[in-house]
Amino acid sequence: MSSRCSRNAGVGLDDSFYSLKLSKSADESFYIAFGLIGSNEVIVKSGIASIDLNGDKKAEYFRACTSIEGVHLTVWSGKPLTGKRIWHNYYYLGYDTEPTCKKKDYEGIDE
């Protein structure tokens, strides 16, 4: 892209952002999401997405939750909050939100 599509001044230089054109039927109410490139099939059961990211025949799960002013995005080996968190990123929104995160979503993370 010719310009950054993030308005978030706190993002790192290694963070990636993509502009997507959604179909009219897509839910546009949430604009922060996970993006995957590859041929593994994403499985969605009861609104929860999982995929075997590393070929170990075990599902990795995705979770997003809010803190006071941002969104924590996490990937878990095993079910979220009970499995092992293997990836975390925080996106600062710049306005107050209702916190939905649990301590396991962010413990051990320096912000």
PDB file of N, CA and C in Angstrom:
ATOM      1  N   MET A   1       0.838  -1.174   0.000  1.00  0.00           N
ATOM      2  CA  MET A   1       0.000   0.000   0.000  1.00  0.00           C
ATOM      3  C   MET A   1       0.885   1.240   0.000  1.00  0.00           C
ATOM      4  N   SER A   2       0.396   2.286  -0.590  1.00  0.00           N
ATOM      5  CA  SER A   2       1.191   3.504  -0.682  1.00  0.00           C
ATOM      6  C   SER A   2       1.250   4.274   0.634  1.00  0.00           C
ATOM      7  N   SER A   3       0.346   4.025   1.531  1.00  0.00           N
ATOM      8  CA  SER A   3       0.378   4.684   2.834  1.00  0.00           C
ATOM      9  C   SER A   3      -0.068   3.701   3.908  1.00  0.00           C
ATOM     10  N   ARG A   4       0.284   3.999   5.160  1.00  0.00           N
ATOM     11  CA  ARG A   4      -0.116   3.129   6.266  1.00  0.00           C
ATOM     12  C   ARG A   4      -1.627   3.191   6.420  1.00  0.00           C
ATOM     13  N   CYS A   5      -2.243   2.051   6.635  1.00  0.00           N
ATOM     14  CA  CYS A   5      -3.687   2.053   6.847  1.00  0.00           C
ATOM     15  C   CYS A   5      -4.031   2.025   8.326  1.00  0.00           C
ATOM     16  N   SER A   6      -3.038   2.029   9.198  1.00  0.00           N
ATOM     17  CA  SER A   6      -3.302   2.111  10.630  1.00  0.00           C
ATOM     18  C   SER A   6      -3.184   3.555  11.080  1.00  0.00           C
ATOM     19  N   ARG A   7      -4.150   3.982  11.883  1.00  0.00           N
ATOM     20  CA  ARG A   7      -4.078   5.306  12.480  1.00  0.00           C
ATOM     21  C   ARG A   7      -3.467   5.229  13.867  1.00  0.00           C
ATOM     22  N   ASN A   8      -3.002   4.083  14.253  1.00  0.00           N
ATOM     23  CA  ASN A   8      -2.489   3.837  15.591  1.00  0.00           C
ATOM     24  C   ASN A   8      -1.005   4.179  15.636  1.00  0.00           C
ATOM     25  N   ALA A   9      -0.671   5.221  16.353  1.00  0.00           N
ATOM     26  CA  ALA A   9       0.730   5.655  16.430  1.00  0.00           C
ATOM     27  C   ALA A   9       1.601   4.679  17.207  1.00  0.00           C
ATOM     28  N   GLY A  10       0.992   3.795  17.993  1.00  0.00           N
ATOM     29  CA  GLY A  10       1.754   2.887  18.839  1.00  0.00           C
ATOM     30  C   GLY A  10       2.122   1.565  18.193  1.00  0.00           C
ATOM     31  N   VAL A  11       1.817   1.362  16.934  1.00  0.00           N
ATOM     32  CA  VAL A  11       2.124   0.082  16.308  1.00  0.00           C
ATOM     33  C   VAL A  11       3.603  -0.017  15.984  1.00  0.00           C
ATOM     34  N   GLY A  12       4.106  -1.243  16.009  1.00  0.00           N
ATOM     35  CA  GLY A  12       5.506  -1.472  15.702  1.00  0.00           C
ATOM     36  C   GLY A  12       5.770  -1.497  14.211  1.00  0.00           C
ATOM     37  N   LEU A  13       7.021  -1.338  13.857  1.00  0.00           N
ATOM     38  CA  LEU A  13       7.393  -1.359  12.443  1.00  0.00           C
ATOM     39  C   LEU A  13       7.207  -2.737  11.830  1.00  0.00           C
ATOM     40  N   ASP A  14       7.196  -3.785  12.654  1.00  0.00           N
ATOM     41  CA  ASP A  14       7.019  -5.142  12.144  1.00  0.00           C
ATOM     42  C   ASP A  14       5.554  -5.534  11.989  1.00  0.00           C
ATOM     43  N   ASP A  15       4.631  -4.707  12.458  1.00  0.00           N
ATOM     44  CA  ASP A  15       3.211  -5.010  12.331  1.00  0.00           C
ATOM     45  C   ASP A  15       2.772  -4.831  10.886  1.00  0.00           C
ATOM     46  N   SER A  16       1.839  -5.672  10.461  1.00  0.00           N
ATOM     47  CA  SER A  16       1.327  -5.598   9.095  1.00  0.00           C
ATOM     48  C   SER A  16      -0.143  -5.219   9.109  1.00  0.00           C
ATOM     49  N   PHE A  17      -0.548  -4.435   8.137  1.00  0.00           N
ATOM     50  CA  PHE A  17      -1.933  -4.020   7.993  1.00  0.00           C
ATOM     51  C   PHE A  17      -2.327  -4.186   6.540  1.00  0.00           C
ATOM     52  N   TYR A  18      -3.551  -4.620   6.323  1.00  0.00           N
ATOM     53  CA  TYR A  18      -4.060  -4.823   4.977  1.00  0.00           C
ATOM     54  C   TYR A  18      -5.430  -4.184   4.866  1.00  0.00           C
ATOM     55  N   SER A  19      -5.715  -3.636   3.738  1.00  0.00           N
ATOM     56  CA  SER A  19      -7.031  -3.083   3.466  1.00  0.00           C
ATOM     57  C   SER A  19      -7.819  -4.141   2.709  1.00  0.00           C
ATOM     58  N   LEU A  20      -8.990  -4.483   3.222  1.00  0.00           N
ATOM     59  CA  LEU A  20      -9.818  -5.511   2.602  1.00  0.00           C
ATOM     60  C   LEU A  20     -11.113  -4.911   2.100  1.00  0.00           C
ATOM     61  N   LYS A  21     -11.561  -5.385   0.969  1.00  0.00           N
ATOM     62  CA  LYS A  21     -12.872  -4.992   0.471  1.00  0.00           C
ATOM     63  C   LYS A  21     -13.824  -6.128   0.822  1.00  0.00           C
ATOM     64  N   LEU A  22     -14.778  -5.850   1.706  1.00  0.00           N
ATOM     65  CA  LEU A  22     -15.703  -6.868   2.177  1.00  0.00           C
ATOM     66  C   LEU A  22     -16.948  -6.901   1.309  1.00  0.00           C
ATOM     67  N   SER A  23     -17.547  -8.087   1.214  1.00  0.00           N
ATOM     68  CA  SER A  23     -18.809  -8.196   0.496  1.00  0.00           C
ATOM     69  C   SER A  23     -19.886  -7.478   1.299  1.00  0.00           C
ATOM     70  N   LYS A  24     -20.975  -7.154   0.653  1.00  0.00           N
ATOM     71  CA  LYS A  24     -22.045  -6.427   1.342  1.00  0.00           C
ATOM     72  C   LYS A  24     -22.626  -7.224   2.495  1.00  0.00           C
ATOM     73  N   SER A  25     -22.534  -8.529   2.450  1.00  0.00           N
ATOM     74  CA  SER A  25     -23.105  -9.349   3.518  1.00  0.00           C
ATOM     75  C   SER A  25     -22.163  -9.482   4.713  1.00  0.00           C
ATOM     76  N   ALA A  26     -20.937  -9.035   4.574  1.00  0.00           N
ATOM     77  CA  ALA A  26     -19.959  -9.168   5.661  1.00  0.00           C
ATOM     78  C   ALA A  26     -20.247  -8.168   6.777  1.00  0.00           C
ATOM     79  N   ASP A  27     -19.935  -8.584   7.989  1.00  0.00           N
ATOM     80  CA  ASP A  27     -20.106  -7.717   9.156  1.00  0.00           C
ATOM     81  C   ASP A  27     -18.959  -6.714   9.196  1.00  0.00           C
ATOM     82  N   GLU A  28     -19.261  -5.455   9.038  1.00  0.00           N
ATOM     83  CA  GLU A  28     -18.235  -4.413   9.035  1.00  0.00           C
ATOM     84  C   GLU A  28     -18.137  -3.685  10.371  1.00  0.00           C
ATOM     85  N   SER A  29     -18.761  -4.216  11.408  1.00  0.00           N
ATOM     86  CA  SER A  29     -18.776  -3.510  12.680  1.00  0.00           C
ATOM     87  C   SER A  29     -17.463  -3.656  13.449  1.00  0.00           C
ATOM     88  N   PHE A  30     -16.635  -4.604  13.086  1.00  0.00           N
ATOM     89  CA  PHE A  30     -15.369  -4.815  13.786  1.00  0.00           C
ATOM     90  C   PHE A  30     -14.257  -4.777  12.767  1.00  0.00           C
ATOM     91  N   TYR A  31     -13.292  -3.904  12.959  1.00  0.00           N
ATOM     92  CA  TYR A  31     -12.292  -3.691  11.914  1.00  0.00           C
ATOM     93  C   TYR A  31     -10.905  -4.209  12.266  1.00  0.00           C
ATOM     94  N   ILE A  32     -10.742  -4.866  13.397  1.00  0.00           N
ATOM     95  CA  ILE A  32      -9.468  -5.478  13.751  1.00  0.00           C
ATOM     96  C   ILE A  32      -9.677  -6.980  13.692  1.00  0.00           C
ATOM     97  N   ALA A  33      -8.808  -7.674  12.968  1.00  0.00           N
ATOM     98  CA  ALA A  33      -9.028  -9.105  12.770  1.00  0.00           C
ATOM     99  C   ALA A  33      -7.699  -9.823  12.560  1.00  0.00           C
ATOM    100  N   PHE A  34      -7.754 -11.132  12.581  1.00  0.00           N
ATOM    101  CA  PHE A  34      -6.615 -11.975  12.248  1.00  0.00           C
ATOM    102  C   PHE A  34      -6.650 -12.232  10.748  1.00  0.00           C
ATOM    103  N   GLY A  35      -5.489 -12.265  10.137  1.00  0.00           N
ATOM    104  CA  GLY A  35      -5.391 -12.629   8.735  1.00  0.00           C
ATOM    105  C   GLY A  35      -4.428 -13.790   8.588  1.00  0.00           C
ATOM    106  N   LEU A  36      -4.821 -14.801   7.828  1.00  0.00           N
ATOM    107  CA  LEU A  36      -3.984 -15.985   7.629  1.00  0.00           C
ATOM    108  C   LEU A  36      -3.712 -16.176   6.150  1.00  0.00           C
ATOM    109  N   ILE A  37      -2.495 -16.550   5.847  1.00  0.00           N
ATOM    110  CA  ILE A  37      -2.122 -16.876   4.480  1.00  0.00           C
ATOM    111  C   ILE A  37      -1.683 -18.326   4.482  1.00  0.00           C
ATOM    112  N   GLY A  38      -2.255 -19.118   3.612  1.00  0.00           N
ATOM    113  CA  GLY A  38      -1.885 -20.522   3.535  1.00  0.00           C
ATOM    114  C   GLY A  38      -3.065 -21.363   3.104  1.00  0.00           C
ATOM    115  N   SER A  39      -2.828 -22.659   3.036  1.00  0.00           N
ATOM    116  CA  SER A  39      -3.862 -23.545   2.513  1.00  0.00           C
ATOM    117  C   SER A  39      -4.566 -24.376   3.580  1.00  0.00           C
ATOM    118  N   ASN A  40      -4.154 -24.263   4.838  1.00  0.00           N
ATOM    119  CA  ASN A  40      -4.835 -25.016   5.886  1.00  0.00           C
ATOM    120  C   ASN A  40      -6.252 -24.492   6.061  1.00  0.00           C
ATOM    121  N   GLU A  41      -7.157 -25.404   6.335  1.00  0.00           N
ATOM    122  CA  GLU A  41      -8.563 -25.044   6.463  1.00  0.00           C
ATOM    123  C   GLU A  41      -8.882 -24.541   7.870  1.00  0.00           C
ATOM    124  N   VAL A  42      -9.537 -23.401   7.926  1.00  0.00           N
ATOM    125  CA  VAL A  42     -10.025 -22.869   9.199  1.00  0.00           C
ATOM    126  C   VAL A  42     -11.331 -23.575   9.527  1.00  0.00           C
ATOM    127  N   ILE A  43     -11.438 -24.064  10.754  1.00  0.00           N
ATOM    128  CA  ILE A  43     -12.649 -24.739  11.214  1.00  0.00           C
ATOM    129  C   ILE A  43     -13.365 -23.801  12.176  1.00  0.00           C
ATOM    130  N   VAL A  44     -14.642 -23.580  11.956  1.00  0.00           N
ATOM    131  CA  VAL A  44     -15.434 -22.736  12.846  1.00  0.00           C
ATOM    132  C   VAL A  44     -16.536 -23.586  13.456  1.00  0.00           C
ATOM    133  N   LYS A  45     -16.513 -23.707  14.784  1.00  0.00           N
ATOM    134  CA  LYS A  45     -17.539 -24.444  15.528  1.00  0.00           C
ATOM    135  C   LYS A  45     -18.070 -23.536  16.617  1.00  0.00           C
ATOM    136  N   SER A  46     -19.363 -23.363  16.653  1.00  0.00           N
ATOM    137  CA  SER A  46     -20.017 -22.523  17.667  1.00  0.00           C
ATOM    138  C   SER A  46     -19.389 -21.132  17.740  1.00  0.00           C
ATOM    139  N   GLY A  47     -19.021 -20.585  16.592  1.00  0.00           N
ATOM    140  CA  GLY A  47     -18.461 -19.246  16.536  1.00  0.00           C
ATOM    141  C   GLY A  47     -17.002 -19.136  16.930  1.00  0.00           C
ATOM    142  N   ILE A  48     -16.320 -20.275  17.143  1.00  0.00           N
ATOM    143  CA  ILE A  48     -14.911 -20.281  17.537  1.00  0.00           C
ATOM    144  C   ILE A  48     -14.083 -20.842  16.386  1.00  0.00           C
ATOM    145  N   ALA A  49     -13.088 -20.068  15.934  1.00  0.00           N
ATOM    146  CA  ALA A  49     -12.247 -20.476  14.811  1.00  0.00           C
ATOM    147  C   ALA A  49     -10.988 -21.165  15.308  1.00  0.00           C
ATOM    148  N   SER A  50     -10.603 -22.237  14.614  1.00  0.00           N
ATOM    149  CA  SER A  50      -9.345 -22.915  14.925  1.00  0.00           C
ATOM    150  C   SER A  50      -8.719 -23.415  13.633  1.00  0.00           C
ATOM    151  N   ILE A  51      -7.406 -23.665  13.707  1.00  0.00           N
ATOM    152  CA  ILE A  51      -6.655 -24.164  12.561  1.00  0.00           C
ATOM    153  C   ILE A  51      -5.360 -24.779  13.086  1.00  0.00           C
ATOM    154  N   ASP A  52      -4.854 -25.775  12.386  1.00  0.00           N
ATOM    155  CA  ASP A  52      -3.547 -26.336  12.739  1.00  0.00           C
ATOM    156  C   ASP A  52      -2.491 -25.505  12.013  1.00  0.00           C
ATOM    157  N   LEU A  53      -1.906 -24.562  12.720  1.00  0.00           N
ATOM    158  CA  LEU A  53      -0.944 -23.643  12.111  1.00  0.00           C
ATOM    159  C   LEU A  53       0.433 -24.246  11.901  1.00  0.00           C
ATOM    160  N   ASN A  54       0.845 -25.147  12.791  1.00  0.00           N
ATOM    161  CA  ASN A  54       2.223 -25.644  12.747  1.00  0.00           C
ATOM    162  C   ASN A  54       2.351 -27.108  12.344  1.00  0.00           C
ATOM    163  N   GLY A  55       1.275 -27.730  11.890  1.00  0.00           N
ATOM    164  CA  GLY A  55       1.340 -29.096  11.383  1.00  0.00           C
ATOM    165  C   GLY A  55       1.491 -30.175  12.436  1.00  0.00           C
ATOM    166  N   ASP A  56       1.183 -29.862  13.697  1.00  0.00           N
ATOM    167  CA  ASP A  56       1.321 -30.868  14.759  1.00  0.00           C
ATOM    168  C   ASP A  56       0.027 -31.644  15.012  1.00  0.00           C
ATOM    169  N   LYS A  57      -0.957 -31.454  14.151  1.00  0.00           N
ATOM    170  CA  LYS A  57      -2.265 -32.110  14.232  1.00  0.00           C
ATOM    171  C   LYS A  57      -3.072 -31.678  15.461  1.00  0.00           C
ATOM    172  N   LYS A  58      -2.683 -30.554  16.071  1.00  0.00           N
ATOM    173  CA  LYS A  58      -3.425 -29.968  17.184  1.00  0.00           C
ATOM    174  C   LYS A  58      -3.895 -28.577  16.762  1.00  0.00           C
ATOM    175  N   ALA A  59      -5.091 -28.249  17.140  1.00  0.00           N
ATOM    176  CA  ALA A  59      -5.671 -26.970  16.730  1.00  0.00           C
ATOM    177  C   ALA A  59      -5.106 -25.803  17.529  1.00  0.00           C
ATOM    178  N   GLU A  60      -4.869 -24.709  16.821  1.00  0.00           N
ATOM    179  CA  GLU A  60      -4.569 -23.437  17.453  1.00  0.00           C
ATOM    180  C   GLU A  60      -5.847 -22.594  17.370  1.00  0.00           C
ATOM    181  N   TYR A  61      -6.074 -21.787  18.397  1.00  0.00           N
ATOM    182  CA  TYR A  61      -7.303 -21.008  18.507  1.00  0.00           C
ATOM    183  C   TYR A  61      -6.983 -19.524  18.578  1.00  0.00           C
ATOM    184  N   PHE A  62      -7.927 -18.719  18.157  1.00  0.00           N
ATOM    185  CA  PHE A  62      -7.785 -17.272  18.107  1.00  0.00           C
ATOM    186  C   PHE A  62      -8.726 -16.636  19.122  1.00  0.00           C
ATOM    187  N   ARG A  63      -8.259 -15.559  19.736  1.00  0.00           N
ATOM    188  CA  ARG A  63      -9.089 -14.861  20.713  1.00  0.00           C
ATOM    189  C   ARG A  63      -8.807 -13.367  20.618  1.00  0.00           C
ATOM    190  N   ALA A  64      -9.846 -12.581  20.737  1.00  0.00           N
ATOM    191  CA  ALA A  64      -9.732 -11.125  20.825  1.00  0.00           C
ATOM    192  C   ALA A  64     -10.551 -10.676  22.024  1.00  0.00           C
ATOM    193  N   CYS A  65      -9.982  -9.779  22.806  1.00  0.00           N
ATOM    194  CA  CYS A  65     -10.700  -9.229  23.955  1.00  0.00           C
ATOM    195  C   CYS A  65     -10.262  -7.785  24.135  1.00  0.00           C
ATOM    196  N   THR A  66     -11.046  -7.044  24.884  1.00  0.00           N
ATOM    197  CA  THR A  66     -10.733  -5.635  25.088  1.00  0.00           C
ATOM    198  C   THR A  66     -10.219  -5.382  26.496  1.00  0.00           C
ATOM    199  N   SER A  67      -9.307  -4.422  26.578  1.00  0.00           N
ATOM    200  CA  SER A  67      -8.872  -3.890  27.868  1.00  0.00           C
ATOM    201  C   SER A  67      -9.469  -2.487  27.965  1.00  0.00           C
ATOM    202  N   ILE A  68      -8.954  -1.658  28.809  1.00  0.00           N
ATOM    203  CA  ILE A  68      -9.568  -0.346  29.018  1.00  0.00           C
ATOM    204  C   ILE A  68      -9.545   0.521  27.754  1.00  0.00           C
ATOM    205  N   GLU A  69      -8.440   0.471  26.989  1.00  0.00           N
ATOM    206  CA  GLU A  69      -8.332   1.340  25.810  1.00  0.00           C
ATOM    207  C   GLU A  69      -7.851   0.620  24.559  1.00  0.00           C
ATOM    208  N   GLY A  70      -7.936  -0.702  24.521  1.00  0.00           N
ATOM    209  CA  GLY A  70      -7.432  -1.387  23.345  1.00  0.00           C
ATOM    210  C   GLY A  70      -7.906  -2.819  23.235  1.00  0.00           C
ATOM    211  N   VAL A  71      -7.376  -3.498  22.220  1.00  0.00           N
ATOM    212  CA  VAL A  71      -7.755  -4.874  21.916  1.00  0.00           C
ATOM    213  C   VAL A  71      -6.525  -5.766  22.025  1.00  0.00           C
ATOM    214  N   HIS A  72      -6.646  -6.851  22.759  1.00  0.00           N
ATOM    215  CA  HIS A  72      -5.608  -7.875  22.837  1.00  0.00           C
ATOM    216  C   HIS A  72      -5.989  -8.978  21.851  1.00  0.00           C
ATOM    217  N   LEU A  73      -5.092  -9.288  20.938  1.00  0.00           N
ATOM    218  CA  LEU A  73      -5.275 -10.393  19.998  1.00  0.00           C
ATOM    219  C   LEU A  73      -4.318 -11.497  20.409  1.00  0.00           C
ATOM    220  N   THR A  74      -4.823 -12.719  20.548  1.00  0.00           N
ATOM    221  CA  THR A  74      -3.974 -13.828  20.978  1.00  0.00           C
ATOM    222  C   THR A  74      -4.241 -15.064  20.145  1.00  0.00           C
ATOM    223  N   VAL A  75      -3.208 -15.905  20.043  1.00  0.00           N
ATOM    224  CA  VAL A  75      -3.324 -17.229  19.438  1.00  0.00           C
ATOM    225  C   VAL A  75      -2.891 -18.223  20.501  1.00  0.00           C
ATOM    226  N   TRP A  76      -3.654 -19.296  20.632  1.00  0.00           N
ATOM    227  CA  TRP A  76      -3.445 -20.296  21.676  1.00  0.00           C
ATOM    228  C   TRP A  76      -3.247 -21.675  21.079  1.00  0.00           C
ATOM    229  N   SER A  77      -2.291 -22.424  21.622  1.00  0.00           N
ATOM    230  CA  SER A  77      -2.148 -23.845  21.319  1.00  0.00           C
ATOM    231  C   SER A  77      -3.027 -24.556  22.338  1.00  0.00           C
ATOM    232  N   GLY A  78      -4.149 -25.041  21.898  1.00  0.00           N
ATOM    233  CA  GLY A  78      -5.180 -25.535  22.807  1.00  0.00           C
ATOM    234  C   GLY A  78      -6.208 -24.441  23.018  1.00  0.00           C
ATOM    235  N   LYS A  79      -7.236 -24.750  23.744  1.00  0.00           N
ATOM    236  CA  LYS A  79      -8.342 -23.806  23.936  1.00  0.00           C
ATOM    237  C   LYS A  79      -7.863 -22.511  24.602  1.00  0.00           C
ATOM    238  N   PRO A  80      -8.416 -21.381  24.177  1.00  0.00           N
ATOM    239  CA  PRO A  80      -8.035 -20.104  24.781  1.00  0.00           C
ATOM    240  C   PRO A  80      -8.235 -20.101  26.293  1.00  0.00           C
ATOM    241  N   LEU A  81      -7.294 -19.489  26.969  1.00  0.00           N
ATOM    242  CA  LEU A  81      -7.255 -19.313  28.420  1.00  0.00           C
ATOM    243  C   LEU A  81      -6.875 -20.576  29.186  1.00  0.00           C
ATOM    244  N   THR A  82      -7.005 -21.752  28.577  1.00  0.00           N
ATOM    245  CA  THR A  82      -6.576 -22.981  29.253  1.00  0.00           C
ATOM    246  C   THR A  82      -5.377 -23.609  28.565  1.00  0.00           C
ATOM    247  N   GLY A  83      -5.213 -23.347  27.266  1.00  0.00           N
ATOM    248  CA  GLY A  83      -4.047 -23.833  26.536  1.00  0.00           C
ATOM    249  C   GLY A  83      -2.868 -22.894  26.750  1.00  0.00           C
ATOM    250  N   LYS A  84      -1.861 -23.023  25.891  1.00  0.00           N
ATOM    251  CA  LYS A  84      -0.669 -22.173  25.975  1.00  0.00           C
ATOM    252  C   LYS A  84      -0.806 -21.021  24.983  1.00  0.00           C
ATOM    253  N   ARG A  85      -0.656 -19.807  25.481  1.00  0.00           N
ATOM    254  CA  ARG A  85      -0.684 -18.645  24.595  1.00  0.00           C
ATOM    255  C   ARG A  85       0.624 -18.621  23.815  1.00  0.00           C
ATOM    256  N   ILE A  86       0.553 -18.619  22.482  1.00  0.00           N
ATOM    257  CA  ILE A  86       1.761 -18.664  21.657  1.00  0.00           C
ATOM    258  C   ILE A  86       2.005 -17.361  20.889  1.00  0.00           C
ATOM    259  N   TRP A  87       1.051 -16.466  20.891  1.00  0.00           N
ATOM    260  CA  TRP A  87       1.222 -15.181  20.210  1.00  0.00           C
ATOM    261  C   TRP A  87       0.295 -14.162  20.844  1.00  0.00           C
ATOM    262  N   HIS A  88       0.780 -12.919  20.939  1.00  0.00           N
ATOM    263  CA  HIS A  88      -0.019 -11.829  21.498  1.00  0.00           C
ATOM    264  C   HIS A  88       0.332 -10.534  20.781  1.00  0.00           C
ATOM    265  N   ASN A  89      -0.671  -9.721  20.531  1.00  0.00           N
ATOM    266  CA  ASN A  89      -0.455  -8.375  20.033  1.00  0.00           C
ATOM    267  C   ASN A  89      -1.525  -7.481  20.642  1.00  0.00           C
ATOM    268  N   TYR A  90      -1.155  -6.246  20.887  1.00  0.00           N
ATOM    269  CA  TYR A  90      -2.083  -5.281  21.477  1.00  0.00           C
ATOM    270  C   TYR A  90      -2.281  -4.139  20.506  1.00  0.00           C
ATOM    271  N   TYR A  91      -3.527  -3.766  20.298  1.00  0.00           N
ATOM    272  CA  TYR A  91      -3.844  -2.652  19.417  1.00  0.00           C
ATOM    273  C   TYR A  91      -4.541  -1.570  20.231  1.00  0.00           C
ATOM    274  N   TYR A  92      -3.887  -0.423  20.367  1.00  0.00           N
ATOM    275  CA  TYR A  92      -4.425   0.704  21.125  1.00  0.00           C
ATOM    276  C   TYR A  92      -5.508   1.401  20.311  1.00  0.00           C
ATOM    277  N   LEU A  93      -6.683   1.566  20.901  1.00  0.00           N
ATOM    278  CA  LEU A  93      -7.794   2.200  20.196  1.00  0.00           C
ATOM    279  C   LEU A  93      -7.855   3.709  20.393  1.00  0.00           C
ATOM    280  N   GLY A  94      -7.390   4.182  21.541  1.00  0.00           N
ATOM    281  CA  GLY A  94      -7.422   5.614  21.789  1.00  0.00           C
ATOM    282  C   GLY A  94      -8.721   6.107  22.398  1.00  0.00           C
ATOM    283  N   TYR A  95      -9.567   5.195  22.809  1.00  0.00           N
ATOM    284  CA  TYR A  95     -10.798   5.560  23.510  1.00  0.00           C
ATOM    285  C   TYR A  95     -11.135   4.441  24.485  1.00  0.00           C
ATOM    286  N   ASP A  96     -11.982   4.746  25.463  1.00  0.00           N
ATOM    287  CA  ASP A  96     -12.331   3.764  26.486  1.00  0.00           C
ATOM    288  C   ASP A  96     -13.233   2.675  25.927  1.00  0.00           C
ATOM    289  N   THR A  97     -12.988   1.449  26.386  1.00  0.00           N
ATOM    290  CA  THR A  97     -13.839   0.317  26.033  1.00  0.00           C
ATOM    291  C   THR A  97     -14.185  -0.442  27.307  1.00  0.00           C
ATOM    292  N   GLU A  98     -15.167  -1.282  27.218  1.00  0.00           N
ATOM    293  CA  GLU A  98     -15.549  -2.136  28.344  1.00  0.00           C
ATOM    294  C   GLU A  98     -14.605  -3.338  28.350  1.00  0.00           C
ATOM    295  N   PRO A  99     -13.799  -3.512  29.396  1.00  0.00           N
ATOM    296  CA  PRO A  99     -12.850  -4.632  29.429  1.00  0.00           C
ATOM    297  C   PRO A  99     -13.543  -5.998  29.418  1.00  0.00           C
ATOM    298  N   THR A 100     -13.059  -6.881  28.545  1.00  0.00           N
ATOM    299  CA  THR A 100     -13.557  -8.260  28.480  1.00  0.00           C
ATOM    300  C   THR A 100     -12.435  -9.269  28.692  1.00  0.00           C
ATOM    301  N   CYS A 101     -11.185  -8.800  28.750  1.00  0.00           N
ATOM    302  CA  CYS A 101     -10.044  -9.703  28.884  1.00  0.00           C
ATOM    303  C   CYS A 101      -9.974 -10.331  30.273  1.00  0.00           C
ATOM    304  N   LYS A 102      -9.395 -11.509  30.303  1.00  0.00           N
ATOM    305  CA  LYS A 102      -9.041 -12.193  31.541  1.00  0.00           C
ATOM    306  C   LYS A 102      -7.537 -12.014  31.741  1.00  0.00           C
ATOM    307  N   LYS A 103      -7.058 -12.221  32.957  1.00  0.00           N
ATOM    308  CA  LYS A 103      -5.636 -12.026  33.261  1.00  0.00           C
ATOM    309  C   LYS A 103      -4.742 -12.875  32.348  1.00  0.00           C
ATOM    310  N   LYS A 104      -5.173 -14.089  32.012  1.00  0.00           N
ATOM    311  CA  LYS A 104      -4.356 -14.966  31.164  1.00  0.00           C
ATOM    312  C   LYS A 104      -4.184 -14.428  29.748  1.00  0.00           C
ATOM    313  N   ASP A 105      -5.059 -13.528  29.329  1.00  0.00           N
ATOM    314  CA  ASP A 105      -4.921 -12.939  28.001  1.00  0.00           C
ATOM    315  C   ASP A 105      -3.665 -12.096  27.881  1.00  0.00           C
ATOM    316  N   TYR A 106      -3.235 -11.494  28.984  1.00  0.00           N
ATOM    317  CA  TYR A 106      -2.119 -10.547  28.904  1.00  0.00           C
ATOM    318  C   TYR A 106      -1.026 -10.755  29.941  1.00  0.00           C
ATOM    319  N   GLU A 107      -1.183 -11.670  30.894  1.00  0.00           N
ATOM    320  CA  GLU A 107      -0.153 -11.796  31.927  1.00  0.00           C
ATOM    321  C   GLU A 107       1.183 -12.178  31.295  1.00  0.00           C
ATOM    322  N   GLY A 108       2.237 -11.545  31.798  1.00  0.00           N
ATOM    323  CA  GLY A 108       3.571 -11.774  31.261  1.00  0.00           C
ATOM    324  C   GLY A 108       3.899 -10.923  30.053  1.00  0.00           C
ATOM    325  N   ILE A 109       2.997 -10.041  29.661  1.00  0.00           N
ATOM    326  CA  ILE A 109       3.199  -9.180  28.497  1.00  0.00           C
ATOM    327  C   ILE A 109       3.528  -7.779  28.993  1.00  0.00           C
ATOM    328  N   ASP A 110       4.624  -7.233  28.526  1.00  0.00           N
ATOM    329  CA  ASP A 110       4.962  -5.845  28.847  1.00  0.00           C
ATOM    330  C   ASP A 110       4.351  -4.951  27.790  1.00  0.00           C
ATOM    331  N   GLU A 111       3.597  -3.960  28.226  1.00  0.00           N
ATOM    332  CA  GLU A 111       2.978  -3.033  27.270  1.00  0.00           C
ATOM    333  C   GLU A 111       3.577  -1.667  27.403  1.00  0.00           C
TER     334      GLU A 111
END
